[in-house]
Amino acid sequence: MVITLVEKDTTEKVLRSGISLFGWQFKAQRYLCLTFSHHTTQCTSTIHCAICTKAHPTHLHSCGRSQCPTSSKACLHTTIKCNNCNEPHLATSKECTTYINAQQAAAERR
């Protein structure tokens, strides 16, 4: 879930203590783009698809085959490739070695 907060004070409070929605308490973190370890506001990269790494947003991903109705997600015809490590998984995969290394580095900075 992505929630955008405008005021800096509110953002800092939510990052510290989390947010309560519908009786559930959620941990909050800054949104990261597909290149790990930096915030989207600091991103100067070209937009890349989390499925195929081509230069389009993930929500505009399509198979490319005229007979395939699948869009915005991988299909049987899609060659999945991570934008971060070039391995055959989605760029948002928690199994990505680049993601794991970024998480460990962030934990060490805390």
PDB file of N, CA and C in Angstrom:
ATOM      1  N   MET A   1       0.840  -1.151   0.000  1.00  0.00           N
ATOM      2  CA  MET A   1       0.000   0.000   0.000  1.00  0.00           C
ATOM      3  C   MET A   1       0.897   1.230   0.000  1.00  0.00           C
ATOM      4  N   VAL A   2       0.559   2.214  -0.810  1.00  0.00           N
ATOM      5  CA  VAL A   2       1.315   3.453  -0.863  1.00  0.00           C
ATOM      6  C   VAL A   2       0.404   4.590  -0.446  1.00  0.00           C
ATOM      7  N   ILE A   3       0.841   5.346   0.552  1.00  0.00           N
ATOM      8  CA  ILE A   3       0.117   6.528   1.011  1.00  0.00           C
ATOM      9  C   ILE A   3       1.067   7.701   0.895  1.00  0.00           C
ATOM     10  N   THR A   4       0.599   8.782   0.306  1.00  0.00           N
ATOM     11  CA  THR A   4       1.424   9.969   0.162  1.00  0.00           C
ATOM     12  C   THR A   4       1.041  10.981   1.224  1.00  0.00           C
ATOM     13  N   LEU A   5       2.018  11.438   1.977  1.00  0.00           N
ATOM     14  CA  LEU A   5       1.808  12.469   2.993  1.00  0.00           C
ATOM     15  C   LEU A   5       2.512  13.737   2.547  1.00  0.00           C
ATOM     16  N   VAL A   6       1.847  14.862   2.682  1.00  0.00           N
ATOM     17  CA  VAL A   6       2.390  16.116   2.178  1.00  0.00           C
ATOM     18  C   VAL A   6       3.239  16.835   3.217  1.00  0.00           C
ATOM     19  N   GLU A   7       2.752  16.925   4.444  1.00  0.00           N
ATOM     20  CA  GLU A   7       3.455  17.693   5.465  1.00  0.00           C
ATOM     21  C   GLU A   7       4.631  16.912   6.045  1.00  0.00           C
ATOM     22  N   LYS A   8       5.764  17.573   6.152  1.00  0.00           N
ATOM     23  CA  LYS A   8       6.982  16.927   6.636  1.00  0.00           C
ATOM     24  C   LYS A   8       6.824  16.424   8.068  1.00  0.00           C
ATOM     25  N   ASP A   9       6.199  17.224   8.946  1.00  0.00           N
ATOM     26  CA  ASP A   9       6.012  16.807  10.340  1.00  0.00           C
ATOM     27  C   ASP A   9       5.171  15.537  10.437  1.00  0.00           C
ATOM     28  N   THR A  10       4.096  15.490   9.670  1.00  0.00           N
ATOM     29  CA  THR A  10       3.231  14.307   9.666  1.00  0.00           C
ATOM     30  C   THR A  10       3.986  13.103   9.138  1.00  0.00           C
ATOM     31  N   THR A  11       4.742  13.299   8.083  1.00  0.00           N
ATOM     32  CA  THR A  11       5.523  12.211   7.499  1.00  0.00           C
ATOM     33  C   THR A  11       6.493  11.641   8.520  1.00  0.00           C
ATOM     34  N   GLU A  12       7.229  12.509   9.214  1.00  0.00           N
ATOM     35  CA  GLU A  12       8.199  12.050  10.206  1.00  0.00           C
ATOM     36  C   GLU A  12       7.520  11.301  11.346  1.00  0.00           C
ATOM     37  N   LYS A  13       6.356  11.781  11.787  1.00  0.00           N
ATOM     38  CA  LYS A  13       5.620  11.110  12.858  1.00  0.00           C
ATOM     39  C   LYS A  13       5.175   9.713  12.422  1.00  0.00           C
ATOM     40  N   VAL A  14       4.649   9.602  11.206  1.00  0.00           N
ATOM     41  CA  VAL A  14       4.193   8.302  10.695  1.00  0.00           C
ATOM     42  C   VAL A  14       5.370   7.346  10.510  1.00  0.00           C
ATOM     43  N   LEU A  15       6.511   7.861  10.049  1.00  0.00           N
ATOM     44  CA  LEU A  15       7.686   7.012   9.892  1.00  0.00           C
ATOM     45  C   LEU A  15       8.176   6.483  11.240  1.00  0.00           C
ATOM     46  N   ARG A  16       8.060   7.302  12.294  1.00  0.00           N
ATOM     47  CA  ARG A  16       8.494   6.886  13.632  1.00  0.00           C
ATOM     48  C   ARG A  16       7.537   5.888  14.270  1.00  0.00           C
ATOM     49  N   SER A  17       6.235   6.182  14.223  1.00  0.00           N
ATOM     50  CA  SER A  17       5.288   5.393  14.999  1.00  0.00           C
ATOM     51  C   SER A  17       4.346   4.528  14.183  1.00  0.00           C
ATOM     52  N   GLY A  18       4.399   4.613  12.864  1.00  0.00           N
ATOM     53  CA  GLY A  18       3.495   3.833  12.030  1.00  0.00           C
ATOM     54  C   GLY A  18       2.186   4.561  11.829  1.00  0.00           C
ATOM     55  N   ILE A  19       1.227   3.867  11.242  1.00  0.00           N
ATOM     56  CA  ILE A  19      -0.066   4.473  10.951  1.00  0.00           C
ATOM     57  C   ILE A  19      -1.160   3.457  11.234  1.00  0.00           C
ATOM     58  N   SER A  20      -2.263   3.920  11.781  1.00  0.00           N
ATOM     59  CA  SER A  20      -3.394   3.066  12.099  1.00  0.00           C
ATOM     60  C   SER A  20      -4.501   3.319  11.088  1.00  0.00           C
ATOM     61  N   LEU A  21      -4.919   2.252  10.408  1.00  0.00           N
ATOM     62  CA  LEU A  21      -6.001   2.341   9.430  1.00  0.00           C
ATOM     63  C   LEU A  21      -6.983   1.210   9.675  1.00  0.00           C
ATOM     64  N   PHE A  22      -8.244   1.553   9.800  1.00  0.00           N
ATOM     65  CA  PHE A  22      -9.300   0.556   9.954  1.00  0.00           C
ATOM     66  C   PHE A  22      -9.028  -0.403  11.114  1.00  0.00           C
ATOM     67  N   GLY A  23      -8.453   0.116  12.187  1.00  0.00           N
ATOM     68  CA  GLY A  23      -8.180  -0.700  13.362  1.00  0.00           C
ATOM     69  C   GLY A  23      -6.914  -1.534  13.289  1.00  0.00           C
ATOM     70  N   TRP A  24      -6.176  -1.406  12.222  1.00  0.00           N
ATOM     71  CA  TRP A  24      -4.919  -2.148  12.043  1.00  0.00           C
ATOM     72  C   TRP A  24      -3.758  -1.167  12.137  1.00  0.00           C
ATOM     73  N   GLN A  25      -2.668  -1.576  12.769  1.00  0.00           N
ATOM     74  CA  GLN A  25      -1.473  -0.758  12.876  1.00  0.00           C
ATOM     75  C   GLN A  25      -0.468  -1.217  11.826  1.00  0.00           C
ATOM     76  N   PHE A  26       0.043  -0.274  11.031  1.00  0.00           N
ATOM     77  CA  PHE A  26       0.993  -0.589   9.970  1.00  0.00           C
ATOM     78  C   PHE A  26       2.312   0.138  10.194  1.00  0.00           C
ATOM     79  N   LYS A  27       3.405  -0.524   9.884  1.00  0.00           N
ATOM     80  CA  LYS A  27       4.723   0.092   9.882  1.00  0.00           C
ATOM     81  C   LYS A  27       4.834   0.919   8.605  1.00  0.00           C
ATOM     82  N   ALA A  28       5.494   2.045   8.670  1.00  0.00           N
ATOM     83  CA  ALA A  28       5.652   2.902   7.494  1.00  0.00           C
ATOM     84  C   ALA A  28       7.122   3.004   7.122  1.00  0.00           C
ATOM     85  N   GLN A  29       7.388   3.142   5.845  1.00  0.00           N
ATOM     86  CA  GLN A  29       8.748   3.371   5.357  1.00  0.00           C
ATOM     87  C   GLN A  29       8.681   4.232   4.115  1.00  0.00           C
ATOM     88  N   ARG A  30       9.761   4.876   3.808  1.00  0.00           N
ATOM     89  CA  ARG A  30       9.818   5.701   2.605  1.00  0.00           C
ATOM     90  C   ARG A  30       9.742   4.796   1.383  1.00  0.00           C
ATOM     91  N   TYR A  31       9.076   5.268   0.359  1.00  0.00           N
ATOM     92  CA  TYR A  31       8.930   4.509  -0.873  1.00  0.00           C
ATOM     93  C   TYR A  31      10.233   4.545  -1.657  1.00  0.00           C
ATOM     94  N   LEU A  32      10.691   3.402  -2.102  1.00  0.00           N
ATOM     95  CA  LEU A  32      11.916   3.317  -2.880  1.00  0.00           C
ATOM     96  C   LEU A  32      11.572   3.004  -4.326  1.00  0.00           C
ATOM     97  N   CYS A  33      12.311   3.549  -5.230  1.00  0.00           N
ATOM     98  CA  CYS A  33      12.083   3.198  -6.629  1.00  0.00           C
ATOM     99  C   CYS A  33      12.747   1.849  -6.900  1.00  0.00           C
ATOM    100  N   LEU A  34      12.726   1.392  -8.119  1.00  0.00           N
ATOM    101  CA  LEU A  34      13.235   0.051  -8.421  1.00  0.00           C
ATOM    102  C   LEU A  34      14.738  -0.087  -8.254  1.00  0.00           C
ATOM    103  N   THR A  35      15.462   1.026  -8.231  1.00  0.00           N
ATOM    104  CA  THR A  35      16.876   0.969  -7.896  1.00  0.00           C
ATOM    105  C   THR A  35      16.941   1.126  -6.388  1.00  0.00           C
ATOM    106  N   PHE A  36      17.389   0.104  -5.699  1.00  0.00           N
ATOM    107  CA  PHE A  36      17.320   0.091  -4.257  1.00  0.00           C
ATOM    108  C   PHE A  36      18.251   1.118  -3.622  1.00  0.00           C
ATOM    109  N   SER A  37      17.894   1.511  -2.439  1.00  0.00           N
ATOM    110  CA  SER A  37      18.670   2.355  -1.522  1.00  0.00           C
ATOM    111  C   SER A  37      18.525   3.841  -1.742  1.00  0.00           C
ATOM    112  N   HIS A  38      17.614   4.274  -2.584  1.00  0.00           N
ATOM    113  CA  HIS A  38      17.341   5.702  -2.615  1.00  0.00           C
ATOM    114  C   HIS A  38      15.856   5.963  -2.788  1.00  0.00           C
ATOM    115  N   HIS A  39      15.441   7.118  -2.323  1.00  0.00           N
ATOM    116  CA  HIS A  39      14.042   7.515  -2.364  1.00  0.00           C
ATOM    117  C   HIS A  39      13.687   7.965  -3.774  1.00  0.00           C
ATOM    118  N   THR A  40      12.437   7.811  -4.149  1.00  0.00           N
ATOM    119  CA  THR A  40      12.011   8.163  -5.504  1.00  0.00           C
ATOM    120  C   THR A  40      12.253   9.632  -5.836  1.00  0.00           C
ATOM    121  N   THR A  41      12.226  10.503  -4.817  1.00  0.00           N
ATOM    122  CA  THR A  41      12.479  11.921  -5.092  1.00  0.00           C
ATOM    123  C   THR A  41      13.933  12.174  -5.456  1.00  0.00           C
ATOM    124  N   GLN A  42      14.803  11.232  -5.142  1.00  0.00           N
ATOM    125  CA  GLN A  42      16.221  11.354  -5.474  1.00  0.00           C
ATOM    126  C   GLN A  42      16.573  10.587  -6.745  1.00  0.00           C
ATOM    127  N   CYS A  43      15.585   9.969  -7.341  1.00  0.00           N
ATOM    128  CA  CYS A  43      15.824   9.119  -8.499  1.00  0.00           C
ATOM    129  C   CYS A  43      15.999   9.962  -9.758  1.00  0.00           C
ATOM    130  N   THR A  44      17.099   9.745 -10.434  1.00  0.00           N
ATOM    131  CA  THR A  44      17.355  10.435 -11.699  1.00  0.00           C
ATOM    132  C   THR A  44      17.379   9.441 -12.856  1.00  0.00           C
ATOM    133  N   SER A  45      17.032   8.201 -12.553  1.00  0.00           N
ATOM    134  CA  SER A  45      17.051   7.150 -13.566  1.00  0.00           C
ATOM    135  C   SER A  45      15.862   7.258 -14.512  1.00  0.00           C
ATOM    136  N   THR A  46      16.011   6.649 -15.663  1.00  0.00           N
ATOM    137  CA  THR A  46      14.908   6.495 -16.593  1.00  0.00           C
ATOM    138  C   THR A  46      13.948   5.466 -16.021  1.00  0.00           C
ATOM    139  N   ILE A  47      12.661   5.643 -16.250  1.00  0.00           N
ATOM    140  CA  ILE A  47      11.675   4.677 -15.779  1.00  0.00           C
ATOM    141  C   ILE A  47      11.909   3.345 -16.468  1.00  0.00           C
ATOM    142  N   HIS A  48      11.908   2.271 -15.667  1.00  0.00           N
ATOM    143  CA  HIS A  48      12.066   0.922 -16.202  1.00  0.00           C
ATOM    144  C   HIS A  48      10.963   0.030 -15.669  1.00  0.00           C
ATOM    145  N   CYS A  49      10.524  -0.873 -16.484  1.00  0.00           N
ATOM    146  CA  CYS A  49       9.491  -1.843 -16.116  1.00  0.00           C
ATOM    147  C   CYS A  49      10.059  -2.843 -15.102  1.00  0.00           C
ATOM    148  N   ALA A  50       9.291  -3.141 -14.054  1.00  0.00           N
ATOM    149  CA  ALA A  50       9.718  -4.105 -13.037  1.00  0.00           C
ATOM    150  C   ALA A  50       9.649  -5.539 -13.540  1.00  0.00           C
ATOM    151  N   ILE A  51       9.052  -5.735 -14.721  1.00  0.00           N
ATOM    152  CA  ILE A  51       8.899  -7.080 -15.281  1.00  0.00           C
ATOM    153  C   ILE A  51       9.985  -7.386 -16.312  1.00  0.00           C
ATOM    154  N   CYS A  52      10.181  -6.464 -17.256  1.00  0.00           N
ATOM    155  CA  CYS A  52      11.071  -6.768 -18.392  1.00  0.00           C
ATOM    156  C   CYS A  52      12.265  -5.817 -18.525  1.00  0.00           C
ATOM    157  N   THR A  53      12.368  -4.808 -17.697  1.00  0.00           N
ATOM    158  CA  THR A  53      13.418  -3.778 -17.665  1.00  0.00           C
ATOM    159  C   THR A  53      13.391  -2.791 -18.837  1.00  0.00           C
ATOM    160  N   LYS A  54      12.423  -2.901 -19.736  1.00  0.00           N
ATOM    161  CA  LYS A  54      12.353  -1.945 -20.843  1.00  0.00           C
ATOM    162  C   LYS A  54      11.913  -0.582 -20.318  1.00  0.00           C
ATOM    163  N   ALA A  55      12.106   0.454 -21.117  1.00  0.00           N
ATOM    164  CA  ALA A  55      11.859   1.831 -20.689  1.00  0.00           C
ATOM    165  C   ALA A  55      10.376   2.215 -20.778  1.00  0.00           C
ATOM    166  N   HIS A  56       9.578   1.599 -19.927  1.00  0.00           N
ATOM    167  CA  HIS A  56       8.177   1.973 -19.772  1.00  0.00           C
ATOM    168  C   HIS A  56       7.758   1.635 -18.340  1.00  0.00           C
ATOM    169  N   PRO A  57       6.758   2.339 -17.813  1.00  0.00           N
ATOM    170  CA  PRO A  57       6.280   2.001 -16.463  1.00  0.00           C
ATOM    171  C   PRO A  57       5.684   0.595 -16.439  1.00  0.00           C
ATOM    172  N   THR A  58       5.757  -0.069 -15.314  1.00  0.00           N
ATOM    173  CA  THR A  58       5.263  -1.437 -15.184  1.00  0.00           C
ATOM    174  C   THR A  58       3.786  -1.542 -15.550  1.00  0.00           C
ATOM    175  N   HIS A  59       2.995  -0.538 -15.175  1.00  0.00           N
ATOM    176  CA  HIS A  59       1.555  -0.620 -15.461  1.00  0.00           C
ATOM    177  C   HIS A  59       1.257  -0.552 -16.967  1.00  0.00           C
ATOM    178  N   LEU A  60       2.235  -0.190 -17.785  1.00  0.00           N
ATOM    179  CA  LEU A  60       2.056  -0.170 -19.237  1.00  0.00           C
ATOM    180  C   LEU A  60       2.707  -1.381 -19.919  1.00  0.00           C
ATOM    181  N   HIS A  61       3.194  -2.335 -19.128  1.00  0.00           N
ATOM    182  CA  HIS A  61       3.836  -3.524 -19.696  1.00  0.00           C
ATOM    183  C   HIS A  61       2.832  -4.331 -20.509  1.00  0.00           C
ATOM    184  N   SER A  62       3.251  -4.780 -21.659  1.00  0.00           N
ATOM    185  CA  SER A  62       2.444  -5.705 -22.447  1.00  0.00           C
ATOM    186  C   SER A  62       3.385  -6.737 -23.056  1.00  0.00           C
ATOM    187  N   CYS A  63       2.824  -7.839 -23.421  1.00  0.00           N
ATOM    188  CA  CYS A  63       3.587  -8.949 -23.963  1.00  0.00           C
ATOM    189  C   CYS A  63       4.221  -8.581 -25.309  1.00  0.00           C
ATOM    190  N   GLY A  64       3.501  -7.864 -26.126  1.00  0.00           N
ATOM    191  CA  GLY A  64       3.998  -7.523 -27.450  1.00  0.00           C
ATOM    192  C   GLY A  64       3.419  -8.407 -28.538  1.00  0.00           C
ATOM    193  N   ARG A  65       2.850  -9.520 -28.145  1.00  0.00           N
ATOM    194  CA  ARG A  65       2.199 -10.402 -29.124  1.00  0.00           C
ATOM    195  C   ARG A  65       0.760  -9.940 -29.309  1.00  0.00           C
ATOM    196  N   SER A  66       0.346  -9.792 -30.519  1.00  0.00           N
ATOM    197  CA  SER A  66      -0.982  -9.249 -30.800  1.00  0.00           C
ATOM    198  C   SER A  66      -2.109 -10.136 -30.279  1.00  0.00           C
ATOM    199  N   GLN A  67      -1.894 -11.427 -30.170  1.00  0.00           N
ATOM    200  CA  GLN A  67      -2.936 -12.352 -29.713  1.00  0.00           C
ATOM    201  C   GLN A  67      -3.004 -12.487 -28.185  1.00  0.00           C
ATOM    202  N   CYS A  68      -2.043 -11.895 -27.463  1.00  0.00           N
ATOM    203  CA  CYS A  68      -1.984 -12.043 -26.010  1.00  0.00           C
ATOM    204  C   CYS A  68      -2.702 -10.871 -25.338  1.00  0.00           C
ATOM    205  N   PRO A  69      -3.754 -11.145 -24.562  1.00  0.00           N
ATOM    206  CA  PRO A  69      -4.505 -10.068 -23.917  1.00  0.00           C
ATOM    207  C   PRO A  69      -3.905  -9.591 -22.592  1.00  0.00           C
ATOM    208  N   THR A  70      -2.859 -10.239 -22.107  1.00  0.00           N
ATOM    209  CA  THR A  70      -2.283  -9.905 -20.810  1.00  0.00           C
ATOM    210  C   THR A  70      -1.593  -8.550 -20.852  1.00  0.00           C
ATOM    211  N   SER A  71      -1.870  -7.718 -19.854  1.00  0.00           N
ATOM    212  CA  SER A  71      -1.182  -6.426 -19.741  1.00  0.00           C
ATOM    213  C   SER A  71      -0.929  -6.125 -18.272  1.00  0.00           C
ATOM    214  N   SER A  72       0.076  -5.325 -18.010  1.00  0.00           N
ATOM    215  CA  SER A  72       0.465  -4.898 -16.663  1.00  0.00           C
ATOM    216  C   SER A  72       1.002  -6.017 -15.781  1.00  0.00           C
ATOM    217  N   LYS A  73       1.231  -7.186 -16.354  1.00  0.00           N
ATOM    218  CA  LYS A  73       1.827  -8.289 -15.598  1.00  0.00           C
ATOM    219  C   LYS A  73       2.496  -9.256 -16.571  1.00  0.00           C
ATOM    220  N   ALA A  74       3.309 -10.132 -16.019  1.00  0.00           N
ATOM    221  CA  ALA A  74       4.019 -11.101 -16.863  1.00  0.00           C
ATOM    222  C   ALA A  74       3.056 -12.154 -17.393  1.00  0.00           C
ATOM    223  N   CYS A  75       3.327 -12.626 -18.575  1.00  0.00           N
ATOM    224  CA  CYS A  75       2.548 -13.722 -19.153  1.00  0.00           C
ATOM    225  C   CYS A  75       3.537 -14.826 -19.544  1.00  0.00           C
ATOM    226  N   LEU A  76       3.045 -15.852 -20.182  1.00  0.00           N
ATOM    227  CA  LEU A  76       3.907 -16.966 -20.583  1.00  0.00           C
ATOM    228  C   LEU A  76       4.958 -16.555 -21.614  1.00  0.00           C
ATOM    229  N   HIS A  77       4.705 -15.473 -22.343  1.00  0.00           N
ATOM    230  CA  HIS A  77       5.625 -15.028 -23.389  1.00  0.00           C
ATOM    231  C   HIS A  77       6.695 -14.053 -22.884  1.00  0.00           C
ATOM    232  N   THR A  78       6.546 -13.594 -21.663  1.00  0.00           N
ATOM    233  CA  THR A  78       7.433 -12.568 -21.120  1.00  0.00           C
ATOM    234  C   THR A  78       8.731 -13.152 -20.588  1.00  0.00           C
ATOM    235  N   THR A  79       9.838 -12.562 -20.961  1.00  0.00           N
ATOM    236  CA  THR A  79      11.117 -12.904 -20.363  1.00  0.00           C
ATOM    237  C   THR A  79      11.315 -11.962 -19.192  1.00  0.00           C
ATOM    238  N   ILE A  80      11.208 -12.490 -17.984  1.00  0.00           N
ATOM    239  CA  ILE A  80      11.324 -11.669 -16.775  1.00  0.00           C
ATOM    240  C   ILE A  80      12.796 -11.407 -16.501  1.00  0.00           C
ATOM    241  N   LYS A  81      13.097 -10.150 -16.161  1.00  0.00           N
ATOM    242  CA  LYS A  81      14.479  -9.763 -15.906  1.00  0.00           C
ATOM    243  C   LYS A  81      14.498  -8.643 -14.868  1.00  0.00           C
ATOM    244  N   CYS A  82      15.357  -8.756 -13.874  1.00  0.00           N
ATOM    245  CA  CYS A  82      15.487  -7.759 -12.815  1.00  0.00           C
ATOM    246  C   CYS A  82      16.339  -6.587 -13.302  1.00  0.00           C
ATOM    247  N   ASN A  83      15.850  -5.381 -13.094  1.00  0.00           N
ATOM    248  CA  ASN A  83      16.565  -4.179 -13.485  1.00  0.00           C
ATOM    249  C   ASN A  83      17.807  -3.940 -12.621  1.00  0.00           C
ATOM    250  N   ASN A  84      17.850  -4.554 -11.446  1.00  0.00           N
ATOM    251  CA  ASN A  84      18.942  -4.323 -10.500  1.00  0.00           C
ATOM    252  C   ASN A  84      20.111  -5.291 -10.647  1.00  0.00           C
ATOM    253  N   CYS A  85      19.802  -6.571 -10.908  1.00  0.00           N
ATOM    254  CA  CYS A  85      20.877  -7.564 -10.955  1.00  0.00           C
ATOM    255  C   CYS A  85      20.883  -8.396 -12.244  1.00  0.00           C
ATOM    256  N   ASN A  86      19.926  -8.151 -13.127  1.00  0.00           N
ATOM    257  CA  ASN A  86      19.796  -8.862 -14.407  1.00  0.00           C
ATOM    258  C   ASN A  86      19.473 -10.345 -14.267  1.00  0.00           C
ATOM    259  N   GLU A  87      19.044 -10.780 -13.107  1.00  0.00           N
ATOM    260  CA  GLU A  87      18.628 -12.169 -12.902  1.00  0.00           C
ATOM    261  C   GLU A  87      17.168 -12.339 -13.332  1.00  0.00           C
ATOM    262  N   PRO A  88      16.710 -13.574 -13.528  1.00  0.00           N
ATOM    263  CA  PRO A  88      15.346 -13.808 -14.012  1.00  0.00           C
ATOM    264  C   PRO A  88      14.271 -13.768 -12.919  1.00  0.00           C
ATOM    265  N   HIS A  89      14.080 -12.613 -12.297  1.00  0.00           N
ATOM    266  CA  HIS A  89      12.994 -12.392 -11.350  1.00  0.00           C
ATOM    267  C   HIS A  89      12.549 -10.939 -11.473  1.00  0.00           C
ATOM    268  N   LEU A  90      11.396 -10.610 -10.911  1.00  0.00           N
ATOM    269  CA  LEU A  90      10.903  -9.234 -10.951  1.00  0.00           C
ATOM    270  C   LEU A  90      11.851  -8.309 -10.193  1.00  0.00           C
ATOM    271  N   ALA A  91      11.898  -7.065 -10.593  1.00  0.00           N
ATOM    272  CA  ALA A  91      12.759  -6.094  -9.914  1.00  0.00           C
ATOM    273  C   ALA A  91      12.311  -5.839  -8.484  1.00  0.00           C
ATOM    274  N   THR A  92      11.081  -6.194  -8.157  1.00  0.00           N
ATOM    275  CA  THR A  92      10.551  -6.005  -6.810  1.00  0.00           C
ATOM    276  C   THR A  92      10.709  -7.243  -5.929  1.00  0.00           C
ATOM    277  N   SER A  93      11.398  -8.258  -6.407  1.00  0.00           N
ATOM    278  CA  SER A  93      11.556  -9.503  -5.667  1.00  0.00           C
ATOM    279  C   SER A  93      12.389  -9.316  -4.404  1.00  0.00           C
ATOM    280  N   LYS A  94      11.899  -9.876  -3.306  1.00  0.00           N
ATOM    281  CA  LYS A  94      12.638  -9.824  -2.037  1.00  0.00           C
ATOM    282  C   LYS A  94      13.804 -10.816  -2.041  1.00  0.00           C
ATOM    283  N   GLU A  95      13.894 -11.650  -3.071  1.00  0.00           N
ATOM    284  CA  GLU A  95      14.980 -12.618  -3.203  1.00  0.00           C
ATOM    285  C   GLU A  95      16.161 -12.065  -4.007  1.00  0.00           C
ATOM    286  N   CYS A  96      16.021 -10.863  -4.540  1.00  0.00           N
ATOM    287  CA  CYS A  96      17.074 -10.230  -5.334  1.00  0.00           C
ATOM    288  C   CYS A  96      18.292  -9.950  -4.448  1.00  0.00           C
ATOM    289  N   THR A  97      19.464 -10.356  -4.905  1.00  0.00           N
ATOM    290  CA  THR A  97      20.678 -10.135  -4.103  1.00  0.00           C
ATOM    291  C   THR A  97      20.954  -8.649  -3.909  1.00  0.00           C
ATOM    292  N   THR A  98      20.620  -7.828  -4.892  1.00  0.00           N
ATOM    293  CA  THR A  98      20.811  -6.385  -4.750  1.00  0.00           C
ATOM    294  C   THR A  98      19.888  -5.852  -3.660  1.00  0.00           C
ATOM    295  N   TYR A  99      18.651  -6.327  -3.620  1.00  0.00           N
ATOM    296  CA  TYR A  99      17.703  -5.925  -2.578  1.00  0.00           C
ATOM    297  C   TYR A  99      18.202  -6.356  -1.203  1.00  0.00           C
ATOM    298  N   ILE A 100      18.636  -7.607  -1.091  1.00  0.00           N
ATOM    299  CA  ILE A 100      19.125  -8.129   0.191  1.00  0.00           C
ATOM    300  C   ILE A 100      20.312  -7.312   0.683  1.00  0.00           C
ATOM    301  N   ASN A 101      21.255  -7.008  -0.205  1.00  0.00           N
ATOM    302  CA  ASN A 101      22.418  -6.208   0.172  1.00  0.00           C
ATOM    303  C   ASN A 101      22.018  -4.795   0.592  1.00  0.00           C
ATOM    304  N   ALA A 102      21.052  -4.197  -0.105  1.00  0.00           N
ATOM    305  CA  ALA A 102      20.583  -2.850   0.245  1.00  0.00           C
ATOM    306  C   ALA A 102      19.903  -2.857   1.615  1.00  0.00           C
ATOM    307  N   GLN A 103      19.124  -3.901   1.902  1.00  0.00           N
ATOM    308  CA  GLN A 103      18.464  -4.017   3.195  1.00  0.00           C
ATOM    309  C   GLN A 103      19.488  -4.182   4.316  1.00  0.00           C
ATOM    310  N   GLN A 104      20.516  -4.990   4.084  1.00  0.00           N
ATOM    311  CA  GLN A 104      21.554  -5.184   5.098  1.00  0.00           C
ATOM    312  C   GLN A 104      22.327  -3.896   5.341  1.00  0.00           C
ATOM    313  N   ALA A 105      22.638  -3.161   4.283  1.00  0.00           N
ATOM    314  CA  ALA A 105      23.353  -1.889   4.422  1.00  0.00           C
ATOM    315  C   ALA A 105      22.502  -0.876   5.181  1.00  0.00           C
ATOM    316  N   ALA A 106      21.197  -0.854   4.914  1.00  0.00           N
ATOM    317  CA  ALA A 106      20.302   0.067   5.624  1.00  0.00           C
ATOM    318  C   ALA A 106      20.219  -0.294   7.103  1.00  0.00           C
ATOM    319  N   ALA A 107      20.182  -1.581   7.406  1.00  0.00           N
ATOM    320  CA  ALA A 107      20.127  -2.029   8.802  1.00  0.00           C
ATOM    321  C   ALA A 107      21.405  -1.635   9.543  1.00  0.00           C
ATOM    322  N   GLU A 108      22.536  -1.707   8.873  1.00  0.00           N
ATOM    323  CA  GLU A 108      23.814  -1.345   9.499  1.00  0.00           C
ATOM    324  C   GLU A 108      23.899   0.159   9.763  1.00  0.00           C
ATOM    325  N   ARG A 109      23.257   0.962   8.921  1.00  0.00           N
ATOM    326  CA  ARG A 109      23.276   2.425   9.109  1.00  0.00           C
ATOM    327  C   ARG A 109      22.406   2.857  10.277  1.00  0.00           C
ATOM    328  N   ARG A 110      21.429   2.013  10.652  1.00  0.00           N
ATOM    329  CA  ARG A 110      20.511   2.387  11.760  1.00  0.00           C
ATOM    330  C   ARG A 110      21.160   2.289  13.079  1.00  0.00           C
TER     331      ARG A 110
END
